[in-house]
Amino acid sequence: MEAGFASRADWNFRHTVEYKIAHLLSGLDAIFTLNQDLLFERHYYDLDLVLNQPKKWFGWRRPGIQVLLDPCQTTNDVEKTTWTPQSPPFTLEPSHQPYFKLRGSWNWRSADDEQMLIMGGNKIAAIRKHPLLSWYHELFEAYLSESDSG
């Protein structure tokens, strides 16, 4: 599936603003996903949010996670970038739309160099091994508990 997404030039079905996927997503307070692919990272651009009206966000972020710098890496290619959790406490940036991958991603590594990709059985225990993913799930519950969530 990742190879299919990588070969797509765009993820929109129509190119008028009101039908763009970014226009729909920009109205959300947060985005939570179980997807572990890079579709979102490949096609949801900060510029889509900045140009959208009304202006709510200056971009999007994956809270609590940062690029794992590799001295041999010479490209910003999303497919070749590895991510690792920041040190707690984790925070949200008020001007940036938060994007949460509830089960990690295939290009995420823990501080112990363990892959942060939750698959198979016993997901709750696997998630609890990673403070970042546990925090994501706490936030997911908090967002769902808000009176205007829907």
N, C-alpha and C. Protein backbone atom coordinates (compact mmCIF):
# COMPACT_ATOMS: atom_id res chain seq x y z
N MET A 1 0.83 -1.18 0.00
CA MET A 1 0.00 0.00 0.00
C MET A 1 0.88 1.26 0.00
N GLU A 2 1.96 1.22 0.77
CA GLU A 2 2.87 2.37 0.82
C GLU A 2 3.41 2.70 -0.56
N ALA A 3 3.77 1.69 -1.33
CA ALA A 3 4.30 1.92 -2.68
C ALA A 3 3.24 2.59 -3.56
N GLY A 4 1.99 2.20 -3.41
CA GLY A 4 0.91 2.83 -4.17
C GLY A 4 0.75 4.29 -3.82
N PHE A 5 0.82 4.61 -2.51
CA PHE A 5 0.70 6.01 -2.08
C PHE A 5 1.90 6.82 -2.56
N ALA A 6 3.07 6.21 -2.52
CA ALA A 6 4.29 6.92 -2.93
C ALA A 6 4.23 7.30 -4.40
N SER A 7 3.54 6.52 -5.21
CA SER A 7 3.50 6.80 -6.65
C SER A 7 2.43 7.83 -7.03
N ARG A 8 1.54 8.15 -6.11
CA ARG A 8 0.49 9.14 -6.41
C ARG A 8 1.08 10.55 -6.36
N ALA A 9 0.74 11.35 -7.34
CA ALA A 9 1.22 12.73 -7.36
C ALA A 9 0.38 13.61 -6.44
N ASP A 10 -0.84 13.19 -6.13
CA ASP A 10 -1.77 14.04 -5.40
C ASP A 10 -2.79 13.13 -4.72
N TRP A 11 -3.48 13.64 -3.73
CA TRP A 11 -4.52 12.85 -3.08
C TRP A 11 -5.90 13.49 -3.23
N ASN A 12 -6.02 14.52 -4.02
CA ASN A 12 -7.29 15.18 -4.25
C ASN A 12 -8.02 14.56 -5.44
N PHE A 13 -9.34 14.57 -5.36
CA PHE A 13 -10.16 14.07 -6.45
C PHE A 13 -10.57 15.21 -7.38
N ARG A 14 -10.66 16.42 -6.81
CA ARG A 14 -10.96 17.62 -7.58
C ARG A 14 -10.05 18.72 -7.05
N HIS A 15 -9.83 19.75 -7.85
CA HIS A 15 -8.87 20.76 -7.46
C HIS A 15 -9.48 22.11 -7.12
N THR A 16 -10.78 22.20 -6.99
CA THR A 16 -11.36 23.43 -6.47
C THR A 16 -11.23 23.38 -4.96
N VAL A 17 -10.97 24.52 -4.34
CA VAL A 17 -10.62 24.58 -2.93
C VAL A 17 -11.61 23.84 -2.03
N GLU A 18 -12.90 24.06 -2.25
CA GLU A 18 -13.88 23.46 -1.34
C GLU A 18 -13.93 21.94 -1.42
N TYR A 19 -13.34 21.35 -2.45
CA TYR A 19 -13.32 19.89 -2.58
C TYR A 19 -11.95 19.28 -2.26
N LYS A 20 -10.99 20.09 -1.88
CA LYS A 20 -9.67 19.56 -1.55
C LYS A 20 -9.71 18.89 -0.17
N ILE A 21 -8.99 17.82 -0.04
CA ILE A 21 -8.94 17.09 1.23
C ILE A 21 -8.39 17.99 2.33
N ALA A 22 -7.42 18.82 2.01
CA ALA A 22 -6.84 19.73 3.01
C ALA A 22 -7.89 20.70 3.54
N HIS A 23 -8.81 21.11 2.71
CA HIS A 23 -9.87 22.02 3.17
C HIS A 23 -10.73 21.33 4.23
N LEU A 24 -11.08 20.09 4.00
CA LEU A 24 -11.85 19.32 4.99
C LEU A 24 -11.05 19.13 6.27
N LEU A 25 -9.81 18.68 6.15
CA LEU A 25 -8.99 18.38 7.33
C LEU A 25 -8.67 19.62 8.15
N SER A 26 -8.52 20.77 7.49
CA SER A 26 -8.11 21.98 8.20
C SER A 26 -9.15 22.45 9.22
N GLY A 27 -10.37 22.00 9.10
CA GLY A 27 -11.41 22.38 10.05
C GLY A 27 -11.41 21.55 11.32
N LEU A 28 -10.58 20.53 11.38
CA LEU A 28 -10.55 19.65 12.55
C LEU A 28 -9.61 20.18 13.62
N ASP A 29 -9.96 19.97 14.89
CA ASP A 29 -9.10 20.39 16.00
C ASP A 29 -7.88 19.50 16.14
N ALA A 30 -7.98 18.27 15.69
CA ALA A 30 -6.87 17.32 15.73
C ALA A 30 -7.20 16.19 14.77
N ILE A 31 -6.17 15.49 14.34
CA ILE A 31 -6.36 14.33 13.47
C ILE A 31 -5.73 13.13 14.16
N PHE A 32 -6.53 12.08 14.33
CA PHE A 32 -6.07 10.82 14.91
C PHE A 32 -6.22 9.75 13.84
N THR A 33 -5.21 8.91 13.70
CA THR A 33 -5.27 7.86 12.69
C THR A 33 -4.64 6.58 13.21
N LEU A 34 -5.10 5.48 12.64
CA LEU A 34 -4.47 4.18 12.88
C LEU A 34 -3.54 3.83 11.74
N ASN A 35 -3.52 4.66 10.70
CA ASN A 35 -2.65 4.41 9.54
C ASN A 35 -1.19 4.48 9.95
N GLN A 36 -0.40 3.58 9.38
CA GLN A 36 1.03 3.54 9.67
C GLN A 36 1.86 3.84 8.44
N ASP A 37 1.17 4.21 7.36
CA ASP A 37 1.84 4.55 6.12
C ASP A 37 2.18 6.04 6.13
N LEU A 38 2.68 6.55 5.02
CA LEU A 38 3.11 7.95 4.92
C LEU A 38 2.22 8.78 3.99
N LEU A 39 0.99 8.34 3.76
CA LEU A 39 0.09 9.08 2.88
C LEU A 39 -0.07 10.52 3.34
N PHE A 40 -0.37 10.71 4.60
CA PHE A 40 -0.59 12.04 5.15
C PHE A 40 0.67 12.90 5.00
N GLU A 41 1.81 12.35 5.39
CA GLU A 41 3.06 13.09 5.33
C GLU A 41 3.44 13.47 3.89
N ARG A 42 3.05 12.66 2.94
CA ARG A 42 3.37 12.93 1.53
C ARG A 42 2.48 14.01 0.93
N HIS A 43 1.24 14.15 1.41
CA HIS A 43 0.27 14.97 0.68
C HIS A 43 -0.42 16.08 1.47
N TYR A 44 -0.21 16.18 2.75
CA TYR A 44 -0.86 17.24 3.54
C TYR A 44 0.21 18.26 3.89
N TYR A 45 0.18 19.38 3.20
CA TYR A 45 1.26 20.35 3.31
C TYR A 45 0.88 21.51 4.22
N ASP A 46 1.86 22.03 4.93
CA ASP A 46 1.63 23.23 5.75
C ASP A 46 1.04 24.35 4.90
N LEU A 47 1.48 24.46 3.66
CA LEU A 47 0.98 25.52 2.78
C LEU A 47 -0.53 25.38 2.56
N ASP A 48 -1.04 24.15 2.50
CA ASP A 48 -2.48 23.94 2.36
C ASP A 48 -3.23 24.58 3.53
N LEU A 49 -2.66 24.51 4.71
CA LEU A 49 -3.31 25.07 5.90
C LEU A 49 -3.17 26.58 5.96
N VAL A 50 -2.02 27.08 5.59
CA VAL A 50 -1.77 28.52 5.64
C VAL A 50 -2.66 29.26 4.65
N LEU A 51 -2.86 28.69 3.48
CA LEU A 51 -3.65 29.35 2.45
C LEU A 51 -5.16 29.16 2.64
N ASN A 52 -5.54 28.22 3.49
CA ASN A 52 -6.95 27.93 3.70
C ASN A 52 -7.63 29.07 4.45
N GLN A 53 -8.88 29.33 4.11
CA GLN A 53 -9.65 30.37 4.81
C GLN A 53 -10.90 29.73 5.40
N PRO A 54 -11.31 30.01 6.61
CA PRO A 54 -10.63 30.93 7.51
C PRO A 54 -9.34 30.29 8.04
N LYS A 55 -8.36 31.11 8.30
CA LYS A 55 -7.05 30.64 8.73
C LYS A 55 -7.10 30.22 10.20
N LYS A 56 -6.94 28.94 10.45
CA LYS A 56 -6.97 28.41 11.81
C LYS A 56 -5.59 27.91 12.23
N TRP A 57 -4.83 27.40 11.27
CA TRP A 57 -3.54 26.76 11.57
C TRP A 57 -2.43 27.37 10.70
N PHE A 58 -1.20 27.27 11.19
CA PHE A 58 -0.03 27.66 10.42
C PHE A 58 0.71 26.44 9.87
N GLY A 59 0.17 25.29 10.12
CA GLY A 59 0.75 24.04 9.68
C GLY A 59 0.27 22.92 10.58
N TRP A 60 0.81 21.73 10.39
CA TRP A 60 0.47 20.59 11.24
C TRP A 60 1.74 20.01 11.83
N ARG A 61 1.59 19.30 12.93
CA ARG A 61 2.73 18.67 13.62
C ARG A 61 2.32 17.34 14.22
N ARG A 62 3.31 16.46 14.31
CA ARG A 62 3.17 15.23 15.11
C ARG A 62 3.77 15.56 16.46
N PRO A 63 2.93 15.82 17.46
CA PRO A 63 3.47 16.23 18.76
C PRO A 63 4.33 15.14 19.41
N GLY A 64 5.39 15.58 20.06
CA GLY A 64 6.22 14.68 20.86
C GLY A 64 7.19 13.82 20.10
N ILE A 65 7.32 14.05 18.81
CA ILE A 65 8.23 13.22 18.02
C ILE A 65 9.10 14.13 17.15
N GLN A 66 10.32 13.70 16.93
CA GLN A 66 11.28 14.52 16.18
C GLN A 66 12.07 13.64 15.22
N VAL A 67 12.70 14.27 14.26
CA VAL A 67 13.54 13.55 13.31
C VAL A 67 14.76 13.00 14.05
N LEU A 68 15.05 11.74 13.80
CA LEU A 68 16.25 11.12 14.32
C LEU A 68 17.35 11.43 13.31
N LEU A 69 18.26 12.30 13.70
CA LEU A 69 19.28 12.77 12.76
C LEU A 69 20.29 11.67 12.47
N ASP A 70 20.53 11.48 11.21
CA ASP A 70 21.49 10.51 10.72
C ASP A 70 22.54 11.28 9.94
N PRO A 71 23.79 11.25 10.38
CA PRO A 71 24.83 12.03 9.68
C PRO A 71 25.00 11.63 8.22
N CYS A 72 24.55 10.44 7.84
CA CYS A 72 24.68 9.99 6.46
C CYS A 72 23.50 10.43 5.59
N GLN A 73 22.44 10.91 6.22
CA GLN A 73 21.26 11.30 5.45
C GLN A 73 21.48 12.64 4.79
N THR A 74 21.25 12.67 3.48
CA THR A 74 21.46 13.91 2.73
C THR A 74 20.19 14.40 2.05
N THR A 75 19.05 13.83 2.40
CA THR A 75 17.80 14.20 1.75
C THR A 75 16.71 14.44 2.79
N ASN A 76 15.69 15.17 2.40
CA ASN A 76 14.52 15.37 3.26
C ASN A 76 13.39 14.45 2.84
N ASP A 77 13.68 13.42 2.09
CA ASP A 77 12.67 12.49 1.61
C ASP A 77 11.96 11.85 2.80
N VAL A 78 10.64 12.00 2.85
CA VAL A 78 9.84 11.50 3.96
C VAL A 78 10.02 9.99 4.13
N GLU A 79 10.25 9.30 3.05
CA GLU A 79 10.40 7.85 3.11
C GLU A 79 11.72 7.42 3.75
N LYS A 80 12.71 8.29 3.70
CA LYS A 80 14.03 7.95 4.24
C LYS A 80 14.28 8.58 5.60
N THR A 81 13.28 9.23 6.16
CA THR A 81 13.44 9.90 7.44
C THR A 81 12.95 9.00 8.56
N THR A 82 13.72 8.93 9.63
CA THR A 82 13.34 8.16 10.81
C THR A 82 13.00 9.14 11.93
N TRP A 83 11.96 8.81 12.69
CA TRP A 83 11.47 9.67 13.77
C TRP A 83 11.63 8.96 15.11
N THR A 84 11.84 9.75 16.15
CA THR A 84 12.00 9.21 17.50
C THR A 84 11.30 10.14 18.50
N PRO A 85 10.79 9.61 19.61
CA PRO A 85 10.11 10.47 20.58
C PRO A 85 11.05 11.48 21.23
N GLN A 86 10.49 12.65 21.51
CA GLN A 86 11.19 13.63 22.32
C GLN A 86 11.11 13.18 23.77
N SER A 87 11.82 13.83 24.63
CA SER A 87 11.72 13.52 26.06
C SER A 87 10.45 14.14 26.62
N PRO A 88 9.73 13.41 27.49
CA PRO A 88 8.55 14.01 28.13
C PRO A 88 8.96 15.19 29.00
N PRO A 89 8.10 16.10 29.32
CA PRO A 89 6.68 16.07 28.98
C PRO A 89 6.44 16.49 27.54
N PHE A 90 5.45 15.85 26.93
CA PHE A 90 5.07 16.15 25.55
C PHE A 90 4.10 17.33 25.56
N THR A 91 4.15 18.14 24.52
CA THR A 91 3.27 19.31 24.46
C THR A 91 2.67 19.47 23.07
N LEU A 92 1.62 20.27 23.01
CA LEU A 92 0.97 20.63 21.75
C LEU A 92 1.38 22.05 21.39
N GLU A 93 1.48 22.34 20.11
CA GLU A 93 1.73 23.70 19.64
C GLU A 93 0.39 24.31 19.26
N PRO A 94 -0.06 25.35 19.95
CA PRO A 94 -1.40 25.90 19.69
C PRO A 94 -1.65 26.37 18.26
N SER A 95 -0.62 26.79 17.55
CA SER A 95 -0.82 27.31 16.19
C SER A 95 -0.72 26.22 15.12
N HIS A 96 -0.44 24.98 15.53
CA HIS A 96 -0.28 23.89 14.58
C HIS A 96 -1.27 22.76 14.88
N GLN A 97 -1.90 22.28 13.84
CA GLN A 97 -2.87 21.20 13.98
C GLN A 97 -2.14 19.92 14.38
N PRO A 98 -2.55 19.29 15.48
CA PRO A 98 -1.88 18.05 15.87
C PRO A 98 -2.37 16.85 15.06
N TYR A 99 -1.43 16.00 14.70
CA TYR A 99 -1.68 14.79 13.93
C TYR A 99 -1.08 13.63 14.72
N PHE A 100 -1.93 12.70 15.13
CA PHE A 100 -1.51 11.60 16.00
C PHE A 100 -1.63 10.26 15.29
N LYS A 101 -0.54 9.54 15.25
CA LYS A 101 -0.55 8.18 14.74
C LYS A 101 -0.64 7.27 15.97
N LEU A 102 -1.84 6.81 16.26
CA LEU A 102 -2.10 6.10 17.50
C LEU A 102 -1.32 4.80 17.65
N ARG A 103 -0.90 4.21 16.56
CA ARG A 103 -0.14 2.95 16.63
C ARG A 103 1.26 3.11 16.06
N GLY A 104 1.76 4.35 16.06
CA GLY A 104 3.11 4.59 15.56
C GLY A 104 3.16 4.54 14.05
N SER A 105 4.36 4.32 13.54
CA SER A 105 4.57 4.29 12.10
C SER A 105 5.76 3.41 11.78
N TRP A 106 5.85 2.98 10.55
CA TRP A 106 6.93 2.08 10.18
C TRP A 106 8.29 2.76 10.22
N ASN A 107 8.32 4.10 10.23
CA ASN A 107 9.61 4.81 10.27
C ASN A 107 9.84 5.50 11.62
N TRP A 108 9.23 4.98 12.68
CA TRP A 108 9.44 5.50 14.04
C TRP A 108 10.26 4.50 14.84
N ARG A 109 11.24 5.02 15.59
CA ARG A 109 12.09 4.18 16.45
C ARG A 109 12.12 4.76 17.85
N SER A 110 12.09 3.89 18.84
CA SER A 110 12.18 4.34 20.23
C SER A 110 13.62 4.71 20.56
N ALA A 111 13.84 5.26 21.75
CA ALA A 111 15.20 5.59 22.19
C ALA A 111 16.06 4.34 22.27
N ASP A 112 15.44 3.16 22.48
CA ASP A 112 16.16 1.87 22.53
C ASP A 112 16.32 1.27 21.14
N ASP A 113 16.00 2.05 20.10
CA ASP A 113 16.06 1.62 18.70
C ASP A 113 15.07 0.51 18.40
N GLU A 114 13.97 0.46 19.16
CA GLU A 114 12.90 -0.49 18.90
C GLU A 114 11.90 0.16 17.94
N GLN A 115 11.42 -0.58 16.98
CA GLN A 115 10.43 -0.04 16.06
C GLN A 115 9.14 0.27 16.81
N MET A 116 8.61 1.47 16.59
CA MET A 116 7.36 1.89 17.22
C MET A 116 6.22 1.73 16.22
N LEU A 117 5.87 0.49 15.99
CA LEU A 117 4.82 0.12 15.05
C LEU A 117 4.00 -0.97 15.73
N ILE A 118 2.81 -0.63 16.15
CA ILE A 118 1.98 -1.55 16.91
C ILE A 118 1.11 -2.35 15.95
N MET A 119 1.37 -3.65 15.90
CA MET A 119 0.61 -4.57 15.04
C MET A 119 0.36 -5.85 15.82
N GLY A 120 -0.56 -6.64 15.32
CA GLY A 120 -0.82 -7.94 15.92
C GLY A 120 -1.62 -7.85 17.20
N GLY A 121 -1.49 -8.85 18.03
CA GLY A 121 -2.26 -8.93 19.27
C GLY A 121 -1.65 -8.14 20.42
N ASN A 122 -2.40 -8.04 21.49
CA ASN A 122 -1.97 -7.39 22.73
C ASN A 122 -1.51 -5.94 22.50
N LYS A 123 -2.30 -5.20 21.74
CA LYS A 123 -1.94 -3.83 21.38
C LYS A 123 -1.85 -2.91 22.60
N ILE A 124 -2.73 -3.09 23.57
CA ILE A 124 -2.73 -2.20 24.74
C ILE A 124 -1.39 -2.29 25.47
N ALA A 125 -0.90 -3.49 25.70
CA ALA A 125 0.39 -3.66 26.38
C ALA A 125 1.53 -3.09 25.53
N ALA A 126 1.47 -3.30 24.23
CA ALA A 126 2.51 -2.78 23.34
C ALA A 126 2.52 -1.26 23.34
N ILE A 127 1.35 -0.65 23.33
CA ILE A 127 1.24 0.82 23.36
C ILE A 127 1.79 1.36 24.67
N ARG A 128 1.48 0.71 25.77
CA ARG A 128 1.93 1.17 27.10
C ARG A 128 3.44 1.14 27.26
N LYS A 129 4.14 0.39 26.43
CA LYS A 129 5.61 0.37 26.48
C LYS A 129 6.21 1.68 25.98
N HIS A 130 5.41 2.47 25.29
CA HIS A 130 5.91 3.71 24.69
C HIS A 130 5.16 4.90 25.28
N PRO A 131 5.82 5.71 26.10
CA PRO A 131 5.14 6.87 26.71
C PRO A 131 4.47 7.79 25.70
N LEU A 132 5.07 7.98 24.54
CA LEU A 132 4.47 8.85 23.53
C LEU A 132 3.13 8.29 23.05
N LEU A 133 3.10 7.01 22.73
CA LEU A 133 1.85 6.41 22.25
C LEU A 133 0.80 6.37 23.35
N SER A 134 1.21 6.18 24.59
CA SER A 134 0.27 6.24 25.72
C SER A 134 -0.33 7.64 25.82
N TRP A 135 0.51 8.66 25.66
CA TRP A 135 0.03 10.04 25.71
C TRP A 135 -0.96 10.30 24.58
N TYR A 136 -0.66 9.80 23.39
CA TYR A 136 -1.58 9.95 22.26
C TYR A 136 -2.95 9.37 22.60
N HIS A 137 -2.97 8.22 23.23
CA HIS A 137 -4.24 7.58 23.57
C HIS A 137 -4.98 8.35 24.65
N GLU A 138 -4.26 8.92 25.59
CA GLU A 138 -4.90 9.77 26.61
C GLU A 138 -5.54 10.99 25.95
N LEU A 139 -4.84 11.61 25.01
CA LEU A 139 -5.40 12.76 24.29
C LEU A 139 -6.60 12.36 23.44
N PHE A 140 -6.54 11.20 22.82
CA PHE A 140 -7.66 10.71 22.03
C PHE A 140 -8.91 10.61 22.89
N GLU A 141 -8.78 10.02 24.07
CA GLU A 141 -9.91 9.94 25.00
C GLU A 141 -10.39 11.32 25.41
N ALA A 142 -9.47 12.23 25.67
CA ALA A 142 -9.84 13.60 26.08
C ALA A 142 -10.60 14.31 24.97
N TYR A 143 -10.12 14.20 23.73
CA TYR A 143 -10.82 14.83 22.62
C TYR A 143 -12.22 14.25 22.44
N LEU A 144 -12.33 12.93 22.58
CA LEU A 144 -13.65 12.30 22.43
C LEU A 144 -14.61 12.69 23.56
N SER A 145 -14.06 13.03 24.71
CA SER A 145 -14.89 13.40 25.86
C SER A 145 -15.40 14.84 25.79
N GLU A 146 -14.84 15.66 24.90
CA GLU A 146 -15.28 17.05 24.79
C GLU A 146 -16.72 17.08 24.30
N SER A 147 -17.49 18.04 24.82
CA SER A 147 -18.92 18.10 24.48
C SER A 147 -19.18 18.39 23.02
N ASP A 148 -18.27 19.06 22.32
CA ASP A 148 -18.53 19.39 20.92
C ASP A 148 -17.81 18.49 19.94
N SER A 149 -17.29 17.34 20.41
CA SER A 149 -16.63 16.43 19.48
C SER A 149 -17.69 15.70 18.68
N GLY A 150 -17.33 15.34 17.49
CA GLY A 150 -18.33 14.65 16.69
C GLY A 150 -17.85 14.05 15.47
